[in-house]
C-alpha atoms as a PDB file:
ATOM      1  CA  MET A   1      33.817   2.525   2.103  1.00  0.00           C
ATOM      2  CA  MET A   2      34.669   5.219  -0.773  1.00  0.00           C
ATOM      3  CA  GLY A   3      38.298   3.850  -1.084  1.00  0.00           C
ATOM      4  CA  ASP A   4      36.831   0.446  -1.311  1.00  0.00           C
ATOM      5  CA  ARG A   5      34.248   1.421  -3.982  1.00  0.00           C
ATOM      6  CA  ALA A   6      36.958   3.406  -5.614  1.00  0.00           C
ATOM      7  CA  ALA A   7      39.166   0.453  -6.166  1.00  0.00           C
ATOM      8  CA  SER A   8      36.273  -2.032  -6.983  1.00  0.00           C
ATOM      9  CA  SER A   9      35.625   0.312  -9.672  1.00  0.00           C
ATOM     10  CA  ARG A  10      39.226   0.548 -11.023  1.00  0.00           C
ATOM     11  CA  VAL A  11      39.076  -3.214 -11.130  1.00  0.00           C
ATOM     12  CA  GLU A  12      35.772  -3.286 -13.199  1.00  0.00           C
ATOM     13  CA  HIS A  13      37.089  -0.608 -15.466  1.00  0.00           C
ATOM     14  CA  HIS A  14      40.335  -2.562 -15.758  1.00  0.00           C
ATOM     15  CA  GLY A  15      38.693  -5.913 -16.340  1.00  0.00           C
ATOM     16  CA  SER A  16      36.479  -3.929 -19.077  1.00  0.00           C
ATOM     17  CA  GLN A  17      39.259  -3.085 -20.957  1.00  0.00           C
ATOM     18  CA  ARG A  18      40.845  -6.341 -20.724  1.00  0.00           C
ATOM     19  CA  ARG A  19      37.554  -7.616 -22.147  1.00  0.00           C
ATOM     20  CA  GLN A  20      37.249  -4.908 -24.975  1.00  0.00           C
ATOM     21  CA  GLY A  21      40.941  -5.538 -26.083  1.00  0.00           C
ATOM     22  CA  PHE A  22      40.293  -9.679 -26.326  1.00  0.00           C
ATOM     23  CA  THR A  23      37.041  -9.024 -28.187  1.00  0.00           C
ATOM     24  CA  LEU A  24      39.310  -6.859 -30.650  1.00  0.00           C
ATOM     25  CA  VAL A  25      41.766  -9.891 -30.919  1.00  0.00           C
ATOM     26  CA  GLU A  26      38.883 -12.430 -31.422  1.00  0.00           C
ATOM     27  CA  LEU A  27      37.692 -10.284 -34.532  1.00  0.00           C
ATOM     28  CA  LEU A  28      40.932  -9.861 -36.155  1.00  0.00           C
ATOM     29  CA  VAL A  29      41.364 -13.519 -35.834  1.00  0.00           C
ATOM     30  CA  VAL A  30      37.902 -14.240 -37.400  1.00  0.00           C
ATOM     31  CA  ILE A  31      38.473 -11.820 -40.266  1.00  0.00           C
ATOM     32  CA  GLY A  32      41.543 -13.619 -40.859  1.00  0.00           C
ATOM     33  CA  ILE A  33      39.876 -17.165 -40.535  1.00  0.00           C
ATOM     34  CA  ILE A  34      37.082 -15.784 -43.123  1.00  0.00           C
ATOM     35  CA  ALA A  35      39.753 -14.463 -45.435  1.00  0.00           C
ATOM     36  CA  VAL A  36      41.785 -17.743 -45.537  1.00  0.00           C
ATOM     37  CA  LEU A  37      38.410 -19.581 -46.395  1.00  0.00           C
ATOM     38  CA  ILE A  38      37.487 -17.260 -48.996  1.00  0.00           C
ATOM     39  CA  ALA A  39      40.903 -18.058 -50.671  1.00  0.00           C
ATOM     40  CA  LEU A  40      40.413 -21.402 -50.488  1.00  0.00           C
ATOM     41  CA  LEU A  41      36.642 -21.718 -51.548  1.00  0.00           C
ATOM     42  CA  LEU A  42      36.573 -19.250 -54.348  1.00  0.00           C
ATOM     43  CA  PRO A  43      38.009 -21.109 -57.066  1.00  0.00           C
ATOM     44  CA  THR A  44      35.519 -23.941 -56.181  1.00  0.00           C
ATOM     45  CA  VAL A  45      32.966 -21.579 -56.369  1.00  0.00           C
ATOM     46  CA  ARG A  46      34.097 -20.481 -59.691  1.00  0.00           C
ATOM     47  CA  PHE A  47      34.522 -24.120 -60.847  1.00  0.00           C
ATOM     48  CA  SER A  48      31.150 -25.173 -59.520  1.00  0.00           C
ATOM     49  CA  THR A  49      29.276 -21.970 -61.242  1.00  0.00           C
ATOM     50  CA  ALA A  50      31.194 -22.825 -64.702  1.00  0.00           C
ATOM     51  CA  ALA A  51      30.272 -26.287 -64.341  1.00  0.00           C
ATOM     52  CA  GLY A  52      26.619 -25.341 -63.520  1.00  0.00           C
ATOM     53  CA  ARG A  53      26.325 -23.299 -66.526  1.00  0.00           C
ATOM     54  CA  ARG A  54      27.917 -26.173 -68.716  1.00  0.00           C
ATOM     55  CA  SER A  55      25.087 -28.370 -67.283  1.00  0.00           C
ATOM     56  CA  ASP A  56      22.469 -25.999 -67.883  1.00  0.00           C
ATOM     57  CA  CYS A  57      23.516 -25.562 -71.545  1.00  0.00           C
ATOM     58  CA  SER A  58      23.329 -29.584 -71.879  1.00  0.00           C
ATOM     59  CA  ASN A  59      20.075 -29.356 -70.491  1.00  0.00           C
ATOM     60  CA  ASN A  60      19.096 -27.006 -73.242  1.00  0.00           C
ATOM     61  CA  LEU A  61      20.290 -28.984 -76.017  1.00  0.00           C
ATOM     62  CA  LYS A  62      18.846 -32.067 -74.366  1.00  0.00           C
ATOM     63  CA  ARG A  63      15.319 -30.464 -74.881  1.00  0.00           C
ATOM     64  CA  ILE A  64      16.001 -29.427 -78.197  1.00  0.00           C
ATOM     65  CA  ALA A  65      17.166 -32.780 -79.225  1.00  0.00           C
ATOM     66  CA  LEU A  66      13.718 -34.052 -77.808  1.00  0.00           C
ATOM     67  CA  ALA A  67      11.688 -31.305 -79.562  1.00  0.00           C
ATOM     68  CA  LEU A  68      13.568 -32.652 -82.925  1.00  0.00           C
ATOM     69  CA  ARG A  69      12.695 -35.946 -82.184  1.00  0.00           C
ATOM     70  CA  GLU A  70       8.802 -34.928 -81.091  1.00  0.00           C
ATOM     71  CA  TYR A  71       8.615 -33.321 -84.208  1.00  0.00           C
ATOM     72  CA  GLU A  72       9.758 -36.253 -86.353  1.00  0.00           C
ATOM     73  CA  ALA A  73       7.258 -38.680 -84.444  1.00  0.00           C
ATOM     74  CA  ARG A  74       4.483 -35.889 -85.583  1.00  0.00           C
ATOM     75  CA  TYR A  75       5.761 -35.444 -89.169  1.00  0.00           C
ATOM     76  CA  HIS A  76       7.271 -38.965 -89.702  1.00  0.00           C
ATOM     77  CA  ALA A  77      10.566 -36.862 -90.810  1.00  0.00           C
ATOM     78  CA  LEU A  78      13.019 -34.196 -89.244  1.00  0.00           C
ATOM     79  CA  PRO A  79      12.496 -30.359 -90.356  1.00  0.00           C
ATOM     80  CA  PRO A  80      14.413 -28.741 -92.783  1.00  0.00           C
ATOM     81  CA  ALA A  81      17.060 -26.811 -91.860  1.00  0.00           C
ATOM     82  CA  TYR A  82      14.841 -24.140 -93.159  1.00  0.00           C
ATOM     83  CA  THR A  83      11.551 -23.619 -95.060  1.00  0.00           C
ATOM     84  CA  VAL A  84      11.891 -21.816 -98.743  1.00  0.00           C
ATOM     85  CA  ASP A  85       9.453 -19.965-100.803  1.00  0.00           C
ATOM     86  CA  ALA A  86       8.398 -20.707-104.296  1.00  0.00           C
ATOM     87  CA  ASP A  87      11.808 -19.003-105.625  1.00  0.00           C
ATOM     88  CA  GLY A  88      13.890 -21.001-103.112  1.00  0.00           C
ATOM     89  CA  LYS A  89      14.506 -18.280-100.965  1.00  0.00           C
ATOM     90  CA  PRO A  90      14.880 -18.871 -97.051  1.00  0.00           C
ATOM     91  CA  LEU A  91      11.762 -18.082 -94.874  1.00  0.00           C
ATOM     92  CA  HIS A  92      11.802 -20.020 -91.397  1.00  0.00           C
ATOM     93  CA  SER A  93      14.563 -21.928 -89.406  1.00  0.00           C
ATOM     94  CA  TRP A  94      14.080 -25.075 -87.885  1.00  0.00           C
ATOM     95  CA  ARG A  95      14.300 -23.592 -84.428  1.00  0.00           C
ATOM     96  CA  THR A  96      11.051 -21.925 -85.514  1.00  0.00           C
ATOM     97  CA  LEU A  97       9.264 -25.085 -86.461  1.00  0.00           C
ATOM     98  CA  ILE A  98      10.178 -26.721 -83.186  1.00  0.00           C
ATOM     99  CA  LEU A  99       8.622 -24.363 -81.061  1.00  0.00           C
ATOM    100  CA  PRO A 100       5.180 -26.244 -80.471  1.00  0.00           C
ATOM    101  CA  PHE A 101       7.533 -28.805 -78.956  1.00  0.00           C
ATOM    102  CA  LEU A 102       9.294 -26.634 -76.592  1.00  0.00           C
ATOM    103  CA  GLU A 103       6.001 -25.473 -75.193  1.00  0.00           C
ATOM    104  CA  ARG A 104       5.760 -22.155 -77.147  1.00  0.00           C
ATOM    105  CA  ILE A 105       2.880 -23.188 -79.551  1.00  0.00           C
ATOM    106  CA  ASP A 106       1.436 -19.748 -78.564  1.00  0.00           C
ATOM    107  CA  LEU A 107       4.481 -17.895 -80.042  1.00  0.00           C
ATOM    108  CA  TYR A 108       4.445 -20.290 -83.123  1.00  0.00           C
ATOM    109  CA  ARG A 109       0.704 -19.334 -83.896  1.00  0.00           C
ATOM    110  CA  LYS A 110       1.580 -15.408 -84.023  1.00  0.00           C
ATOM    111  CA  ILE A 111       4.336 -16.598 -86.614  1.00  0.00           C
ATOM    112  CA  ASP A 112       3.353 -15.771 -90.583  1.00  0.00           C
ATOM    113  CA  LEU A 113       5.240 -18.851 -92.098  1.00  0.00           C
ATOM    114  CA  SER A 114       4.471 -17.458 -95.629  1.00  0.00           C
ATOM    115  CA  LYS A 115       6.583 -14.528 -95.110  1.00  0.00           C
ATOM    116  CA  PRO A 116      10.513 -14.111 -94.294  1.00  0.00           C
ATOM    117  CA  TRP A 117      11.063 -14.571 -90.530  1.00  0.00           C
ATOM    118  CA  ASN A 118      12.114 -10.653 -90.575  1.00  0.00           C
ATOM    119  CA  ASP A 119       9.028  -9.561 -92.351  1.00  0.00           C
ATOM    120  CA  PRO A 120       7.345  -6.713 -90.489  1.00  0.00           C
ATOM    121  CA  ALA A 121       4.282  -9.472 -90.003  1.00  0.00           C
ATOM    122  CA  ASN A 122       7.018 -11.262 -87.726  1.00  0.00           C
ATOM    123  CA  ALA A 123       8.331  -8.251 -85.757  1.00  0.00           C
ATOM    124  CA  GLU A 124       6.664  -9.574 -82.420  1.00  0.00           C
ATOM    125  CA  ALA A 125       8.219 -12.877 -82.735  1.00  0.00           C
ATOM    126  CA  CYS A 126      11.787 -11.492 -83.579  1.00  0.00           C
ATOM    127  CA  LYS A 127      11.567  -9.548 -80.318  1.00  0.00           C
ATOM    128  CA  SER A 128      10.863 -12.503 -78.269  1.00  0.00           C
ATOM    129  CA  GLU A 129      13.522 -14.287 -76.259  1.00  0.00           C
ATOM    130  CA  ILE A 130      13.587 -18.162 -76.133  1.00  0.00           C
ATOM    131  CA  TRP A 131      15.749 -19.117 -73.180  1.00  0.00           C
ATOM    132  CA  VAL A 132      16.253 -22.711 -74.162  1.00  0.00           C
ATOM    133  CA  TYR A 133      18.001 -21.353 -77.188  1.00  0.00           C
ATOM    134  CA  ARG A 134      20.580 -19.426 -75.156  1.00  0.00           C
ATOM    135  CA  CYS A 135      23.481 -20.876 -73.100  1.00  0.00           C
ATOM    136  CA  PRO A 136      24.026 -19.396 -70.084  1.00  0.00           C
ATOM    137  CA  SER A 137      27.854 -18.864 -70.292  1.00  0.00           C
ATOM    138  CA  GLY A 138      27.504 -17.052 -73.664  1.00  0.00           C
ATOM    139  CA  VAL A 139      27.362 -13.165 -73.850  1.00  0.00           C
ATOM    140  CA  LEU A 140      25.352 -12.836 -76.883  1.00  0.00           C
ATOM    141  CA  PRO A 141      23.160  -9.934 -78.425  1.00  0.00           C
ATOM    142  CA  GLU A 142      19.466 -10.135 -77.517  1.00  0.00           C
ATOM    143  CA  TYR A 143      17.319 -13.071 -79.299  1.00  0.00           C
ATOM    144  CA  HIS A 144      20.744 -14.627 -80.549  1.00  0.00           C
ATOM    145  CA  THR A 145      21.550 -18.161 -80.187  1.00  0.00           C
ATOM    146  CA  THR A 146      24.821 -20.360 -80.605  1.00  0.00           C
ATOM    147  CA  TYR A 147      22.789 -23.547 -81.137  1.00  0.00           C
ATOM    148  CA  GLN A 148      22.932 -24.450 -84.771  1.00  0.00           C
ATOM    149  CA  ALA A 149      22.764 -27.362 -86.982  1.00  0.00           C
ATOM    150  CA  ILE A 150      25.447 -28.392 -89.450  1.00  0.00           C
ATOM    151  CA  VAL A 151      23.567 -28.094 -92.844  1.00  0.00           C
ATOM    152  CA  ALA A 152      25.419 -30.381 -95.335  1.00  0.00           C
ATOM    153  CA  PRO A 153      24.439 -32.385 -98.117  1.00  0.00           C
ATOM    154  CA  ASP A 154      24.928 -35.677 -95.921  1.00  0.00           C
ATOM    155  CA  GLY A 155      23.620 -34.212 -92.705  1.00  0.00           C
ATOM    156  CA  CYS A 156      20.560 -34.476 -90.640  1.00  0.00           C
ATOM    157  CA  LEU A 157      19.263 -31.099 -91.531  1.00  0.00           C
ATOM    158  CA  ARG A 158      19.185 -29.820 -95.198  1.00  0.00           C
ATOM    159  CA  PRO A 159      17.829 -26.636 -96.861  1.00  0.00           C
ATOM    160  CA  GLY A 160      14.072 -27.152 -97.900  1.00  0.00           C
ATOM    161  CA  GLN A 161      13.765 -30.758 -97.440  1.00  0.00           C
ATOM    162  CA  ALA A 162      12.998 -32.713 -94.445  1.00  0.00           C
ATOM    163  CA  ARG A 163      14.847 -35.877 -93.493  1.00  0.00           C
ATOM    164  CA  ARG A 164      13.554 -39.284 -92.732  1.00  0.00           C
ATOM    165  CA  LEU A 165      14.844 -41.166 -89.855  1.00  0.00           C
ATOM    166  CA  ALA A 166      15.436 -44.161 -92.103  1.00  0.00           C
ATOM    167  CA  GLU A 167      17.902 -41.940 -93.992  1.00  0.00           C
ATOM    168  CA  ILE A 168      19.959 -41.687 -91.058  1.00  0.00           C
ATOM    169  CA  THR A 169      21.864 -45.537 -91.655  1.00  0.00           C
ATOM    170  CA  GLY A 170      24.955 -44.616 -89.463  1.00  0.00           C
ATOM    171  CA  ASP A 171      24.445 -44.891 -85.511  1.00  0.00           C
ATOM    172  CA  HIS A 172      22.288 -42.322 -83.997  1.00  0.00           C
ATOM    173  CA  ALA A 173      24.226 -42.006 -80.914  1.00  0.00           C
ATOM    174  CA  GLN A 174      27.118 -40.834 -83.251  1.00  0.00           C
ATOM    175  CA  THR A 175      25.413 -38.794 -85.859  1.00  0.00           C
ATOM    176  CA  LEU A 176      25.485 -35.004 -84.896  1.00  0.00           C
ATOM    177  CA  LEU A 177      21.960 -33.303 -84.856  1.00  0.00           C
ATOM    178  CA  VAL A 178      23.052 -29.658 -83.021  1.00  0.00           C
ATOM    179  CA  ILE A 179      25.857 -28.218 -81.836  1.00  0.00           C
ATOM    180  CA  GLU A 180      27.119 -25.009 -79.723  1.00  0.00           C
ATOM    181  CA  VAL A 181      29.054 -22.727 -82.112  1.00  0.00           C
ATOM    182  CA  ASP A 182      31.363 -19.934 -80.796  1.00  0.00           C
ATOM    183  CA  PRO A 183      29.663 -16.904 -80.013  1.00  0.00           C
ATOM    184  CA  GLU A 184      31.279 -15.082 -82.890  1.00  0.00           C
ATOM    185  CA  HIS A 185      29.012 -17.102 -84.984  1.00  0.00           C
ATOM    186  CA  ALA A 186      25.815 -16.525 -82.868  1.00  0.00           C
ATOM    187  CA  VAL A 187      22.771 -15.871 -84.968  1.00  0.00           C
ATOM    188  CA  HIS A 188      19.057 -14.691 -84.294  1.00  0.00           C
ATOM    189  CA  TRP A 189      17.120 -17.774 -83.241  1.00  0.00           C
ATOM    190  CA  MET A 190      14.688 -17.205 -86.128  1.00  0.00           C
ATOM    191  CA  ALA A 191      17.162 -16.649 -88.589  1.00  0.00           C
ATOM    192  CA  PRO A 192      17.447 -19.355 -91.312  1.00  0.00           C
ATOM    193  CA  THR A 193      20.969 -19.432 -90.486  1.00  0.00           C
ATOM    194  CA  ASP A 194      23.185 -22.346 -89.315  1.00  0.00           C
ATOM    195  CA  ALA A 195      26.849 -23.916 -89.303  1.00  0.00           C
ATOM    196  CA  ASP A 196      28.217 -25.654 -92.021  1.00  0.00           C
ATOM    197  CA  LEU A 197      31.024 -28.148 -92.115  1.00  0.00           C
ATOM    198  CA  ASP A 198      34.073 -25.725 -92.755  1.00  0.00           C
ATOM    199  CA  LEU A 199      32.831 -24.191 -89.492  1.00  0.00           C
ATOM    200  CA  LEU A 200      33.098 -27.328 -87.348  1.00  0.00           C
ATOM    201  CA  LEU A 201      36.270 -28.405 -89.188  1.00  0.00           C
ATOM    202  CA  GLY A 202      37.735 -24.616 -88.165  1.00  0.00           C
ATOM    203  CA  PHE A 203      37.047 -25.278 -84.792  1.00  0.00           C
ATOM    204  CA  ASN A 204      40.452 -25.554 -82.170  1.00  0.00           C
ATOM    205  CA  ARG A 205      42.059 -24.446 -79.036  1.00  0.00           C
ATOM    206  CA  GLN A 206      42.208 -21.070 -80.262  1.00  0.00           C
ATOM    207  CA  SER A 207      38.258 -20.605 -80.808  1.00  0.00           C
ATOM    208  CA  THR A 208      36.571 -18.540 -78.349  1.00  0.00           C
ATOM    209  CA  PHE A 209      34.012 -21.006 -76.969  1.00  0.00           C
ATOM    210  CA  ALA A 210      31.598 -20.473 -74.161  1.00  0.00           C
ATOM    211  CA  HIS A 211      32.922 -23.649 -72.407  1.00  0.00           C
ATOM    212  CA  SER A 212      36.761 -23.806 -72.060  1.00  0.00           C
ATOM    213  CA  GLY A 213      38.467 -26.650 -74.219  1.00  0.00           C
ATOM    214  CA  GLY A 214      35.356 -27.417 -76.426  1.00  0.00           C
ATOM    215  CA  PHE A 215      31.629 -27.448 -77.317  1.00  0.00           C
ATOM    216  CA  THR A 216      28.620 -29.036 -76.449  1.00  0.00           C
ATOM    217  CA  ALA A 217      26.764 -31.361 -79.333  1.00  0.00           C
ATOM    218  CA  ALA A 218      23.380 -32.924 -79.325  1.00  0.00           C
ATOM    219  CA  PHE A 219      22.962 -36.318 -81.304  1.00  0.00           C
ATOM    220  CA  VAL A 220      20.316 -37.918 -83.178  1.00  0.00           C
ATOM    221  CA  ASP A 221      19.233 -40.271 -80.236  1.00  0.00           C
ATOM    222  CA  GLY A 222      18.950 -37.646 -78.301  1.00  0.00           C
ATOM    223  CA  SER A 223      22.326 -37.701 -76.030  1.00  0.00           C
ATOM    224  CA  VAL A 224      24.297 -34.806 -75.369  1.00  0.00           C
ATOM    225  CA  ARG A 225      28.201 -34.904 -75.072  1.00  0.00           C
ATOM    226  CA  PHE A 226      30.941 -32.512 -74.798  1.00  0.00           C
ATOM    227  CA  LEU A 227      33.364 -32.500 -77.749  1.00  0.00           C
ATOM    228  CA  SER A 228      36.921 -31.548 -77.351  1.00  0.00           C
ATOM    229  CA  ALA A 229      38.021 -28.622 -80.056  1.00  0.00           C
ATOM    230  CA  GLU A 230      41.008 -31.006 -80.580  1.00  0.00           C
ATOM    231  CA  LEU A 231      38.747 -33.659 -81.952  1.00  0.00           C
ATOM    232  CA  PRO A 232      40.579 -35.048 -85.362  1.00  0.00           C
ATOM    233  CA  ALA A 233      38.899 -33.508 -88.730  1.00  0.00           C
ATOM    234  CA  ASP A 234      38.388 -36.835 -89.972  1.00  0.00           C
ATOM    235  CA  GLU A 235      36.124 -37.817 -86.647  1.00  0.00           C
ATOM    236  CA  ARG A 236      34.191 -34.570 -87.088  1.00  0.00           C
ATOM    237  CA  ARG A 237      33.150 -35.371 -90.653  1.00  0.00           C
ATOM    238  CA  ALA A 238      31.856 -38.822 -89.731  1.00  0.00           C
ATOM    239  CA  LEU A 239      29.916 -37.227 -86.870  1.00  0.00           C
ATOM    240  CA  VAL A 240      27.992 -34.913 -89.571  1.00  0.00           C
ATOM    241  CA  SER A 241      27.699 -37.685 -92.057  1.00  0.00           C
ATOM    242  CA  ILE A 242      24.190 -39.733 -91.756  1.00  0.00           C
ATOM    243  CA  ALA A 243      26.009 -42.803 -93.360  1.00  0.00           C
ATOM    244  CA  GLY A 244      28.302 -42.965 -90.394  1.00  0.00           C
ATOM    245  CA  ASP A 245      31.484 -43.027 -92.448  1.00  0.00           C
ATOM    246  CA  ASP A 246      34.439 -44.158 -90.862  1.00  0.00           C
END
């Protein structure tokens, strides 16, 4: 009997060893499969993440464009690029003026529009982050934005003066309202500082954009499109002009 039990014990022990060895092999196989899957899926995940951030950026610009249109509906004109004092000194950006239409009327009411944006009276607002003004792909200082109007004599937004929609005689779907500049030219969201035509014309493949290959732009009709960094200069000028020049 004792011999039988010993034999049985040896068999069980041997079987246990076999099961442990098989489990180890299984573990190694599973690890190998996971490694292969990660290698295959990682580029897709990275692409999806980049595409998602670009989509979020487009949604930001869509909200900004719609806020500008709501401003126009209320005041019968687009806001000036920035307000000015009696001496023509810049005070406040259009980004501040449309805050009520971005559901930030609480912050807007705290801002003293009669004093410059960076006056101590507006210190609290200056330290407020407006997330719709931040591209999720951009690495920017606090309170900064890359969403800027193109301030030009024949552009939609101009210094110190409102612009009626009736003055924009070109195709509203082909007239730039706001663009996303490269992070190097980011400004504080309250600053009365924007892009100009020279900056737009200077964009190229070597520019460090938040999104590969170009930049996002919002148009007067509220639409948002991605523009290539290789867009010809004459087409860029035409997109800025309210007359829709060819």
